[in-house]
Protein backbone atom coordinates (compact mmCIF):
# COMPACT_ATOMS: atom_id res chain seq x y z
CA MET A 1 18.27 19.53 3.85
CA ILE A 2 16.18 22.72 3.82
CA TYR A 3 16.15 25.12 0.89
CA PRO A 4 13.74 27.89 -0.30
CA THR A 5 10.95 27.41 -2.79
CA GLN A 6 10.27 29.52 -5.83
CA ARG A 7 7.76 31.56 -3.81
CA ALA A 8 10.43 32.53 -1.28
CA ALA A 9 12.81 33.53 -4.08
CA VAL A 10 10.15 35.79 -5.60
CA LEU A 11 9.50 37.48 -2.25
CA VAL A 12 13.22 38.17 -1.78
CA ALA A 13 13.58 39.45 -5.34
CA PHE A 14 10.63 41.79 -4.76
CA ALA A 15 12.73 43.61 -2.17
CA ALA A 16 15.03 45.16 -4.80
CA PRO A 17 12.48 47.28 -6.73
CA ALA A 18 10.58 47.99 -3.51
CA GLY A 19 13.81 49.23 -1.90
CA LEU A 20 14.44 51.62 -4.79
CA ALA A 21 10.94 53.02 -4.59
CA VAL A 22 11.04 53.47 -0.81
CA GLY A 23 14.58 54.92 -0.96
CA ALA A 24 13.41 57.55 -3.45
CA LEU A 25 10.60 58.67 -1.12
CA LEU A 26 12.28 58.25 2.28
CA PRO A 27 16.07 58.59 2.70
CA GLY A 28 16.20 55.90 5.42
CA GLY A 29 13.58 53.64 3.91
CA TRP A 30 16.11 51.13 2.57
CA MET A 31 16.37 49.72 6.10
CA LEU A 32 12.86 48.39 5.63
CA VAL A 33 14.09 46.33 2.70
CA ILE A 34 16.74 44.67 4.87
CA GLY A 35 14.10 43.89 7.44
CA TRP A 36 11.85 42.42 4.75
CA VAL A 37 14.61 40.09 3.47
CA ALA A 38 15.48 39.02 7.02
CA LEU A 39 11.80 38.29 7.73
CA VAL A 40 11.48 36.14 4.59
CA LEU A 41 14.63 34.19 5.46
CA MET A 42 13.41 33.60 8.99
CA LEU A 43 10.05 32.37 7.70
CA VAL A 44 11.87 30.06 5.30
CA LEU A 45 13.80 28.47 8.18
CA ILE A 46 10.68 28.16 10.33
CA ASP A 47 8.67 26.68 7.45
CA GLY A 48 11.46 24.24 6.68
CA PHE A 49 11.76 22.98 10.25
CA LEU A 50 7.98 22.63 10.55
CA ALA A 51 7.65 20.84 7.18
CA PRO A 52 6.95 17.11 7.46
CA SER A 53 10.11 15.06 7.20
CA VAL A 54 10.75 12.37 4.59
CA ALA A 55 11.36 9.16 6.54
CA GLY A 56 11.19 5.51 5.74
CA ARG A 57 12.97 2.90 3.65
CA VAL A 58 13.86 3.52 0.02
CA VAL A 59 11.51 1.68 -2.34
CA ILE A 60 12.38 1.41 -6.06
CA ASP A 61 9.76 -0.01 -8.40
CA ALA A 62 11.62 -0.85 -11.62
CA PRO A 63 12.00 -3.89 -13.89
CA ILE A 64 15.13 -6.03 -13.77
CA MET A 65 15.32 -6.20 -17.55
CA ALA A 66 13.82 -4.26 -20.46
CA PRO A 67 14.08 -4.63 -24.27
CA VAL A 68 15.76 -2.04 -26.45
CA GLY A 69 13.39 0.68 -27.64
CA ALA A 70 10.71 -0.04 -25.06
CA PRO A 71 9.44 2.50 -22.48
CA VAL A 72 10.56 1.74 -18.93
CA ALA A 73 8.47 2.88 -15.97
CA ILE A 74 10.53 3.60 -12.84
CA ARG A 75 9.09 4.83 -9.57
CA GLY A 76 10.89 5.61 -6.35
CA SER A 77 9.64 6.53 -2.88
CA PHE A 78 10.52 6.51 0.80
CA GLY A 79 8.20 4.06 2.48
CA ALA A 80 4.61 5.27 2.66
CA HIS A 81 5.31 8.93 1.75
CA ASP A 82 3.51 8.87 -1.57
CA ASP A 83 2.80 12.61 -1.37
CA ALA A 84 6.49 13.50 -1.55
CA GLU A 85 7.94 14.69 -4.84
CA THR A 86 10.71 12.33 -5.99
CA ALA A 87 13.49 12.39 -8.57
CA LEU A 88 15.86 9.64 -9.69
CA ASP A 89 19.38 9.68 -11.10
CA VAL A 90 19.17 7.13 -13.92
CA GLY A 91 22.18 6.69 -16.17
CA ALA A 92 22.56 5.67 -19.79
CA PRO A 93 21.34 3.82 -21.80
CA LEU A 94 17.98 5.05 -20.44
CA ALA A 95 16.81 8.54 -21.46
CA LEU A 96 14.00 10.43 -19.72
CA GLU A 97 10.97 10.70 -21.98
CA ARG A 98 8.42 12.09 -19.53
CA PRO A 99 8.03 12.07 -15.74
CA GLY A 100 8.33 8.49 -14.54
CA ILE A 101 8.97 7.06 -18.03
CA TRP A 102 12.39 6.40 -19.57
CA ARG A 103 13.18 5.10 -23.04
CA ALA A 104 15.80 2.37 -23.60
CA LYS A 105 18.03 3.78 -26.35
CA ARG A 106 20.57 0.96 -26.64
CA ARG A 107 21.83 -2.21 -24.99
CA GLY A 108 23.75 -2.12 -21.76
CA VAL A 109 23.21 -1.86 -18.03
CA ALA A 110 21.41 1.22 -16.71
CA ARG A 111 22.04 2.04 -13.06
CA ILE A 112 19.86 3.99 -10.67
CA ALA A 113 22.44 5.84 -8.59
CA ARG A 114 20.44 8.14 -6.27
CA ILE A 115 16.93 9.12 -5.22
CA TRP A 116 15.71 12.51 -3.99
CA ALA A 117 12.42 13.19 -2.20
CA ARG A 118 11.06 16.48 -0.85
CA ARG A 119 8.00 17.83 0.98
CA ARG A 120 6.89 21.45 1.16
CA GLY A 121 6.12 23.38 4.31
CA ALA A 122 2.70 24.78 5.20
CA LEU A 123 3.65 28.34 4.12
CA GLY A 124 5.04 27.16 0.82
CA LEU A 125 8.37 28.91 1.44
CA ALA A 126 10.71 25.96 2.04
CA TRP A 127 11.36 22.41 0.94
CA ARG A 128 12.54 19.68 3.26
CA GLN A 129 14.54 17.23 1.18
CA ARG A 130 16.17 13.85 1.67
CA SER A 131 18.67 12.14 -0.63
CA GLU A 132 19.91 8.55 -0.50
CA PRO A 133 22.28 6.55 -2.75
CA VAL A 134 20.76 3.64 -4.64
CA ASP A 135 22.49 0.71 -6.32
CA ARG A 136 19.95 -0.78 -8.72
CA ALA A 137 20.75 -2.13 -12.18
CA ILE A 138 18.40 -2.54 -15.14
CA ARG A 139 19.65 -4.69 -18.01
CA ILE A 140 18.70 -3.36 -21.44
CA ALA A 141 18.69 -6.43 -23.65
CA PRO A 142 17.78 -7.05 -27.31
CA ASP A 143 14.10 -7.42 -28.09
CA LEU A 144 13.21 -11.11 -27.99
CA GLY A 145 10.06 -10.83 -30.08
CA PRO A 146 11.72 -11.12 -33.51
CA VAL A 147 14.22 -13.65 -32.17
CA ARG A 148 11.58 -16.07 -30.94
CA GLU A 149 9.40 -15.63 -34.02
CA GLN A 150 12.19 -16.08 -36.57
CA GLY A 151 13.91 -18.75 -34.49
CA MET A 152 10.83 -20.94 -34.25
CA ARG A 153 10.16 -20.47 -37.95
CA GLN A 154 13.67 -21.59 -38.84
CA TYR A 155 13.62 -24.47 -36.35
CA LEU A 156 10.27 -25.78 -37.58
CA ARG A 157 11.41 -25.34 -41.16
CA SER A 158 14.45 -27.54 -40.48
CA THR A 159 12.28 -30.27 -38.92
CA GLN A 160 9.07 -30.02 -40.97
CA PHE A 161 9.85 -33.23 -42.89
CA GLY A 162 10.11 -35.27 -39.71
CA ALA A 163 13.01 -37.14 -38.20
CA ARG A 164 15.07 -39.33 -40.48
CA LEU A 165 17.20 -42.33 -39.61
CA ARG A 166 20.86 -41.46 -39.18
CA THR A 167 23.92 -43.54 -38.53
CA ASP A 168 26.20 -42.70 -35.67
CA SER A 169 29.18 -42.16 -37.94
CA GLY A 170 30.22 -38.65 -38.75
CA ASP A 171 32.86 -35.99 -38.11
CA GLY A 172 32.99 -36.43 -34.37
CA GLN A 173 35.97 -37.10 -32.15
CA GLU A 174 35.21 -40.56 -30.73
CA PHE A 175 36.60 -43.43 -32.81
CA GLN A 176 33.96 -46.01 -33.76
CA ALA A 177 35.29 -48.53 -36.27
CA LEU A 178 37.33 -49.21 -39.40
CA THR A 179 35.52 -49.58 -42.70
CA ASP A 180 36.43 -50.08 -46.33
CA PHE A 181 37.43 -46.87 -48.04
CA GLN A 182 34.72 -45.81 -50.50
CA PRO A 183 34.93 -43.26 -53.33
CA GLY A 184 33.91 -39.87 -52.03
CA MET A 185 35.40 -40.31 -48.59
CA PRO A 186 38.02 -37.70 -47.58
CA ARG A 187 41.57 -39.00 -47.91
CA ARG A 188 42.37 -37.80 -44.39
CA ALA A 189 40.04 -40.56 -43.12
CA ILE A 190 42.37 -43.32 -44.42
CA ASP A 191 44.18 -45.31 -41.75
CA TRP A 192 47.43 -46.04 -43.53
CA LYS A 193 48.88 -48.40 -40.93
CA ALA A 194 45.73 -50.54 -40.82
CA SER A 195 45.56 -50.47 -44.62
CA ALA A 196 49.13 -51.76 -44.84
CA ARG A 197 48.37 -54.62 -42.44
CA HIS A 198 45.24 -55.70 -44.31
CA LEU A 199 46.57 -54.98 -47.82
CA GLY A 200 43.57 -52.80 -48.60
CA LEU A 201 42.42 -49.22 -48.02
CA LEU A 202 40.62 -48.83 -44.70
CA ALA A 203 39.05 -45.61 -43.37
CA ARG A 204 38.36 -44.54 -39.82
CA GLU A 205 34.77 -43.86 -38.73
CA PHE A 206 34.03 -41.64 -35.77
CA ARG A 207 30.97 -41.43 -33.57
CA THR A 208 29.02 -38.24 -34.04
CA GLU A 209 28.39 -36.09 -30.99
CA ARG A 210 24.72 -35.41 -30.50
CA ASP A 211 25.25 -32.30 -28.41
CA HIS A 212 27.43 -30.15 -30.63
CA SER A 213 29.32 -27.30 -29.01
CA VAL A 214 28.55 -23.88 -30.49
CA VAL A 215 30.43 -20.76 -29.41
CA LEU A 216 29.01 -17.35 -30.33
CA ALA A 217 31.97 -14.95 -30.08
CA VAL A 218 30.99 -11.29 -30.43
CA ASP A 219 33.62 -8.64 -31.07
CA ALA A 220 32.58 -5.45 -29.24
CA GLY A 221 35.62 -3.34 -30.14
CA ARG A 222 35.81 0.05 -31.79
CA ALA A 223 35.25 -1.23 -35.33
CA MET A 224 31.94 -2.84 -34.29
CA ILE A 225 30.51 0.41 -32.93
CA ASP A 226 30.04 1.95 -36.38
CA PRO A 227 26.34 2.00 -37.27
CA LEU A 228 24.69 0.21 -40.17
CA ASP A 229 21.36 1.80 -41.06
CA GLY A 230 21.39 3.57 -37.70
CA VAL A 231 22.11 0.45 -35.61
CA PRO A 232 25.65 -0.37 -34.34
CA ARG A 233 27.23 -3.48 -35.79
CA VAL A 234 27.61 -5.02 -32.34
CA ASP A 235 23.84 -4.74 -31.73
CA ARG A 236 23.14 -6.47 -35.02
CA ALA A 237 25.69 -9.13 -34.10
CA VAL A 238 24.04 -9.73 -30.72
CA SER A 239 20.61 -10.08 -32.34
CA ALA A 240 21.95 -12.60 -34.87
CA ALA A 241 23.78 -14.47 -32.10
CA LEU A 242 20.65 -14.76 -29.97
CA LEU A 243 18.63 -16.01 -32.94
CA THR A 244 21.24 -18.69 -33.63
CA ALA A 245 21.45 -19.57 -29.94
CA PHE A 246 17.69 -20.04 -29.77
CA VAL A 247 17.72 -22.48 -32.69
CA ALA A 248 20.81 -24.28 -31.37
CA LEU A 249 19.33 -24.77 -27.90
CA LYS A 250 16.09 -26.04 -29.41
CA SER A 251 18.17 -28.50 -31.47
CA GLY A 252 19.85 -29.90 -28.35
CA ASP A 253 23.29 -28.33 -28.80
CA ARG A 254 25.49 -26.69 -26.19
CA VAL A 255 25.76 -22.92 -26.63
CA ARG A 256 28.32 -20.50 -25.21
CA LEU A 257 28.27 -16.69 -25.55
CA PHE A 258 31.70 -15.05 -25.48
CA GLY A 259 32.16 -11.27 -25.80
CA PHE A 260 35.41 -9.35 -25.99
CA ASP A 261 37.09 -6.11 -27.01
CA ALA A 262 40.55 -5.28 -25.64
CA ARG A 263 40.10 -8.29 -23.34
CA PRO A 264 37.41 -10.91 -22.66
CA ARG A 265 34.29 -9.35 -21.14
CA VAL A 266 31.43 -11.86 -21.17
CA ASP A 267 31.57 -15.64 -20.96
CA THR A 268 28.46 -17.62 -20.11
CA GLY A 269 30.08 -21.04 -20.21
CA ALA A 270 28.45 -23.95 -22.02
CA LEU A 271 24.65 -23.90 -21.63
CA THR A 272 22.09 -26.51 -22.65
CA GLY A 273 18.32 -26.59 -22.84
CA THR A 274 15.90 -23.90 -23.89
CA ARG A 275 15.62 -22.64 -20.32
CA SER A 276 19.21 -21.45 -20.58
CA PHE A 277 18.21 -18.90 -23.21
CA ALA A 278 17.13 -16.48 -20.49
CA ARG A 279 20.67 -16.46 -19.10
CA LEU A 280 22.11 -15.85 -22.57
CA HIS A 281 19.68 -12.99 -23.02
CA ALA A 282 20.70 -11.42 -19.72
CA GLN A 283 24.43 -11.81 -20.37
CA ALA A 284 24.07 -10.26 -23.83
CA ALA A 285 22.83 -7.07 -22.18
CA GLU A 286 26.13 -6.78 -20.28
CA LEU A 287 28.21 -6.76 -23.47
CA ASP A 288 29.09 -3.07 -23.55
CA TYR A 289 30.35 -0.90 -26.39
CA GLY A 290 34.16 -0.87 -26.41
CA ALA A 291 36.14 2.24 -27.35
CA GLY A 292 39.50 0.55 -28.01
CA GLU A 293 40.87 -1.86 -30.57
CA SER A 294 39.96 -5.52 -30.29
CA ASN A 295 42.70 -7.80 -29.02
CA TYR A 296 42.17 -10.95 -31.08
CA THR A 297 45.30 -12.67 -29.82
CA LEU A 298 44.46 -12.39 -26.12
CA SER A 299 40.72 -12.92 -26.41
CA LEU A 300 40.66 -15.85 -28.83
CA THR A 301 43.58 -17.58 -27.11
CA THR A 302 41.70 -17.29 -23.81
CA LEU A 303 38.61 -18.75 -25.47
CA ASP A 304 40.63 -21.67 -26.87
CA GLN A 305 42.02 -22.45 -23.42
CA ARG A 306 38.53 -22.52 -21.92
CA LEU A 307 37.12 -24.97 -24.48
CA ASP A 308 37.53 -28.64 -23.60
CA ARG A 309 36.16 -30.08 -26.84
CA ARG A 310 35.98 -29.41 -30.55
CA SER A 311 33.50 -26.60 -31.19
CA LEU A 312 31.93 -24.56 -33.92
CA ILE A 313 33.09 -21.00 -33.21
CA ILE A 314 30.94 -18.33 -34.85
CA LEU A 315 32.83 -15.02 -34.72
CA PHE A 316 31.05 -11.72 -35.35
CA THR A 317 33.72 -9.17 -36.17
CA GLU A 318 34.89 -6.38 -38.45
CA PHE A 319 38.48 -5.54 -39.47
CA SER A 320 39.05 -1.89 -40.26
CA ASP A 321 42.73 -1.94 -41.27
CA PRO A 322 45.33 -4.41 -42.61
CA THR A 323 47.08 -4.72 -39.24
CA ALA A 324 43.87 -5.84 -37.51
CA ALA A 325 43.23 -8.22 -40.40
CA GLU A 326 46.66 -9.84 -39.99
CA LEU A 327 46.11 -10.34 -36.26
CA LEU A 328 42.69 -11.83 -36.98
CA LEU A 329 44.18 -14.21 -39.55
CA ALA A 330 46.85 -15.38 -37.12
CA ALA A 331 44.35 -15.94 -34.30
CA GLY A 332 42.00 -17.78 -36.65
CA GLN A 333 44.76 -20.06 -37.86
CA ARG A 334 45.54 -21.10 -34.26
CA LEU A 335 41.89 -21.82 -33.50
CA LEU A 336 41.50 -23.83 -36.69
CA ARG A 337 43.81 -26.53 -35.32
CA ARG A 338 41.13 -27.71 -32.89
CA HIS A 339 37.86 -26.10 -33.94
CA ARG A 340 35.68 -25.23 -36.88
CA LEU A 341 35.38 -21.51 -37.58
CA LEU A 342 32.64 -19.43 -39.15
CA PHE A 343 33.15 -15.67 -39.47
CA VAL A 344 30.13 -13.37 -39.86
CA LEU A 345 30.67 -9.99 -41.53
CA PHE A 346 28.13 -7.31 -42.37
CA GLN A 347 28.22 -5.63 -45.76
CA ASP A 348 28.87 -1.90 -45.52
CA ALA A 349 26.36 -0.41 -47.95
CA GLU A 350 27.57 3.13 -47.20
CA LEU A 351 31.17 2.28 -48.10
CA GLU A 352 30.07 0.51 -51.29
CA GLY A 353 27.98 3.55 -52.15
CA PHE A 354 31.01 5.83 -51.87
CA ALA A 355 32.98 3.54 -54.20
CA THR A 356 30.30 3.29 -56.92
CA ARG A 357 28.73 6.77 -56.75
CA ARG A 358 29.37 9.11 -59.67
CA PRO A 359 31.86 11.74 -58.42
CA GLU A 360 30.87 15.40 -58.71
CA SER A 361 33.84 17.05 -56.98
CA ALA A 362 37.46 16.41 -56.03
CA ASP A 363 36.35 15.32 -52.55
CA ASP A 364 34.08 12.70 -54.09
CA VAL A 365 37.01 11.29 -56.10
CA THR A 366 39.19 11.06 -52.97
CA ARG A 367 36.36 9.48 -51.00
CA ALA A 368 35.73 6.91 -53.77
CA ASN A 369 39.42 5.97 -53.95
CA VAL A 370 39.66 5.48 -50.18
CA ALA A 371 36.46 3.41 -50.16
CA GLU A 372 37.67 1.24 -53.03
CA THR A 373 40.98 0.62 -51.23
CA LEU A 374 39.21 -0.43 -48.05
CA LEU A 375 36.87 -2.72 -49.98
CA ARG A 376 39.80 -4.29 -51.85
CA ASP A 377 41.67 -4.99 -48.62
CA ARG A 378 38.48 -6.46 -47.19
CA ARG A 379 38.00 -8.80 -50.16
CA ILE A 380 41.63 -9.93 -49.94
CA THR A 381 41.27 -10.73 -46.24
CA ILE A 382 38.04 -12.67 -46.80
CA GLU A 383 39.69 -14.71 -49.55
CA ARG A 384 42.67 -15.48 -47.30
CA LEU A 385 40.28 -16.61 -44.55
CA ARG A 386 38.53 -18.99 -46.92
CA ARG A 387 41.80 -20.41 -48.20
CA GLN A 388 42.76 -21.18 -44.61
CA GLY A 389 39.62 -23.30 -44.31
CA ILE A 390 37.48 -20.75 -42.43
CA ASP A 391 33.86 -20.34 -43.51
CA VAL A 392 32.80 -16.72 -44.05
CA ILE A 393 29.33 -15.23 -44.29
CA GLU A 394 29.18 -11.70 -45.70
CA ALA A 395 25.61 -10.48 -45.96
CA GLU A 396 23.49 -7.38 -45.58
CA ALA A 397 22.68 -6.43 -42.02
CA SER A 398 19.00 -7.33 -42.37
CA ALA A 399 19.65 -10.68 -44.05
CA ALA A 400 22.62 -11.83 -41.96
CA PRO A 401 20.67 -13.43 -39.03
CA LEU A 402 18.65 -15.79 -41.22
CA ALA A 403 21.65 -16.53 -43.43
CA LEU A 404 23.63 -17.48 -40.31
CA VAL A 405 20.90 -19.80 -39.01
CA GLU A 406 20.64 -21.54 -42.37
CA ARG A 407 24.42 -22.00 -42.50
CA TYR A 408 24.46 -23.35 -38.94
CA LEU A 409 21.71 -25.87 -39.75
CA ALA A 410 23.56 -26.94 -42.90
CA LEU A 411 26.79 -27.47 -40.93
CA ARG A 412 24.89 -29.39 -38.28
CA GLU A 413 23.31 -31.68 -40.87
CA ARG A 414 26.70 -32.29 -42.42
CA VAL A 415 28.19 -33.65 -39.21
CA ALA A 416 25.02 -35.34 -37.95
């Protein structure tokens, strides 16, 4: 493609005032202006055809993955033509900060769609340009620095007293033996038929699984897009999930990341070993921001069908209305038949501020009443979840990741 430079445009624009001046002095002088414009256009075509072409293979120098908030250097060229001026079409979540440097604004997958390169002719009147489509993806993932630092601190804290001797009995699924019922044992452990045969209370013992199954289910629906202190809930959920996954993998457990909104979006499958954390990190970047309502029934039923063993399901979610809360309660009750559930909710400091702030106008009174109603419905739903047997963590956004890790370690110790 050949098109004029700024210099050529200035020369053509100069013809207008020059034509007026010549026309005022000579009645037929305006013909000179037409000749001038034609001459400039002809020189533009000649300069464009004589300009060096942009040939060669497209070369994109860009990272495969980048953390949120970090600068990302991207460079594109056509083979060895380093003197050519280039431009790239880079989509969100990257934003251009300065030539060659983009800033990662949020999680997601940024795609480089097209590259342009141009070289100027010897007269400086025309550009010779080439454009080619590009299909290159850059995953924008959560920053792993705080995750690794806090995760190692929590893991070392849980093991700083050394290993202790443990029996194999616990809350697993594999039957081990019958034992005499002791005070403090749960009544559901009593084997009534065996007790009737032996004329004494006997309890069932089960072998504890060493590799516990942990599922980190992240709701990425509309309610999770609302920001808390400038950061969307779903981003805070992903950071807390990665921190928990890091500790769980270090502890020898099996970890699965499951993301959903209107339907399931991300499912890593069961992963083991600390080397699998890189895959979890990459898959977390593909969990996009949903614009619709979360479908708890479809998503959690699909998750239940994919699990082949009893698991600890940690669900990061937010219910914005009573209807969504009822659907969440129903889906949680179905999962509770086979699995252990832990729901993670973030406290909404802004909503609590509206409810407790001293009103100064009629709008403030209305806003406080609405906020108090939403908070009351939220407390009722949380209480109903707990009465069903579902553990719930409700904490401030900054404190939730460490609170979740501590709860996970406590649950793990209880069954180990």
